[in-house]
Amino acid sequence: MRWWKTLGLAGLVGVAATGVVIARQERRRRAYTPDEVRERLHARLAAMPPGRETD
């Protein structure tokens, strides 16, 4: 039954490695330059209704 343990451990390592690759790709996709962040914040501020207080 040792080979079942080895197979299970290999599957677990594969799942973990896949998760790491996906997380890394997601971080790259969501990485914004400072100018992009500034533009997005200005757009959100412009979209707020007048008179609404920010917290």
C-alpha atoms as a PDB file:
ATOM      1  CA  MET A   1       0.000   0.000   0.000  1.00  0.00           C
ATOM      2  CA  ARG A   2       3.015   2.306  -0.023  1.00  0.00           C
ATOM      3  CA  TRP A   3       2.479   3.131  -3.661  1.00  0.00           C
ATOM      4  CA  TRP A   4      -0.980   4.552  -2.797  1.00  0.00           C
ATOM      5  CA  LYS A   5       0.643   6.937  -0.357  1.00  0.00           C
ATOM      6  CA  THR A   6       3.222   7.951  -2.941  1.00  0.00           C
ATOM      7  CA  LEU A   7       0.542   8.469  -5.569  1.00  0.00           C
ATOM      8  CA  GLY A   8      -1.555  10.541  -3.157  1.00  0.00           C
ATOM      9  CA  LEU A   9       1.410  12.676  -2.175  1.00  0.00           C
ATOM     10  CA  ALA A  10       2.300  13.239  -5.840  1.00  0.00           C
ATOM     11  CA  GLY A  11      -1.292  14.324  -6.538  1.00  0.00           C
ATOM     12  CA  LEU A  12      -1.223  16.747  -3.604  1.00  0.00           C
ATOM     13  CA  VAL A  13       2.046  18.262  -4.806  1.00  0.00           C
ATOM     14  CA  GLY A  14       0.574  18.647  -8.295  1.00  0.00           C
ATOM     15  CA  VAL A  15      -2.490  20.457  -6.989  1.00  0.00           C
ATOM     16  CA  ALA A  16      -0.340  22.787  -4.865  1.00  0.00           C
ATOM     17  CA  ALA A  17       1.956  23.561  -7.808  1.00  0.00           C
ATOM     18  CA  THR A  18      -1.026  24.347 -10.022  1.00  0.00           C
ATOM     19  CA  GLY A  19      -2.391  26.716  -7.377  1.00  0.00           C
ATOM     20  CA  VAL A  20       0.929  28.541  -7.187  1.00  0.00           C
ATOM     21  CA  VAL A  21       1.063  28.980 -10.960  1.00  0.00           C
ATOM     22  CA  ILE A  22      -2.499  30.295 -11.097  1.00  0.00           C
ATOM     23  CA  ALA A  23      -1.903  32.726  -8.210  1.00  0.00           C
ATOM     24  CA  ARG A  24       1.252  34.035  -9.860  1.00  0.00           C
ATOM     25  CA  GLN A  25      -0.557  34.617 -13.167  1.00  0.00           C
ATOM     26  CA  GLU A  26      -3.405  36.377 -11.372  1.00  0.00           C
ATOM     27  CA  ARG A  27      -1.001  38.733  -9.589  1.00  0.00           C
ATOM     28  CA  ARG A  28       0.645  39.598 -12.897  1.00  0.00           C
ATOM     29  CA  ARG A  29      -2.728  40.234 -14.491  1.00  0.00           C
ATOM     30  CA  ARG A  30      -3.828  42.529 -11.674  1.00  0.00           C
ATOM     31  CA  ALA A  31      -0.564  44.456 -11.392  1.00  0.00           C
ATOM     32  CA  TYR A  32      -1.354  48.081 -12.163  1.00  0.00           C
ATOM     33  CA  THR A  33       1.122  50.870 -12.758  1.00  0.00           C
ATOM     34  CA  PRO A  34       0.870  53.898 -10.447  1.00  0.00           C
ATOM     35  CA  ASP A  35      -0.655  55.912 -13.283  1.00  0.00           C
ATOM     36  CA  GLU A  36      -3.359  53.276 -13.831  1.00  0.00           C
ATOM     37  CA  VAL A  37      -4.188  53.270 -10.109  1.00  0.00           C
ATOM     38  CA  ARG A  38      -4.423  57.066 -10.093  1.00  0.00           C
ATOM     39  CA  GLU A  39      -6.694  57.060 -13.162  1.00  0.00           C
ATOM     40  CA  ARG A  40      -8.980  54.443 -11.616  1.00  0.00           C
ATOM     41  CA  LEU A  41      -9.242  56.379  -8.352  1.00  0.00           C
ATOM     42  CA  HIS A  42     -10.042  59.613 -10.181  1.00  0.00           C
ATOM     43  CA  ALA A  43     -12.708  57.826 -12.214  1.00  0.00           C
ATOM     44  CA  ARG A  44     -14.289  56.385  -9.053  1.00  0.00           C
ATOM     45  CA  LEU A  45     -14.263  59.799  -7.388  1.00  0.00           C
ATOM     46  CA  ALA A  46     -15.879  61.394 -10.450  1.00  0.00           C
ATOM     47  CA  ALA A  47     -18.595  58.717 -10.442  1.00  0.00           C
ATOM     48  CA  MET A  48     -19.616  59.427  -6.821  1.00  0.00           C
ATOM     49  CA  PRO A  49     -22.848  61.325  -6.346  1.00  0.00           C
ATOM     50  CA  PRO A  50     -22.375  64.950  -5.228  1.00  0.00           C
ATOM     51  CA  GLY A  51     -22.591  65.610  -1.520  1.00  0.00           C
ATOM     52  CA  ARG A  52     -21.668  62.104  -0.450  1.00  0.00           C
ATOM     53  CA  GLU A  53     -19.069  62.002   2.306  1.00  0.00           C
ATOM     54  CA  THR A  54     -16.116  59.665   1.984  1.00  0.00           C
ATOM     55  CA  ASP A  55     -14.985  57.670   4.977  1.00  0.00           C
END
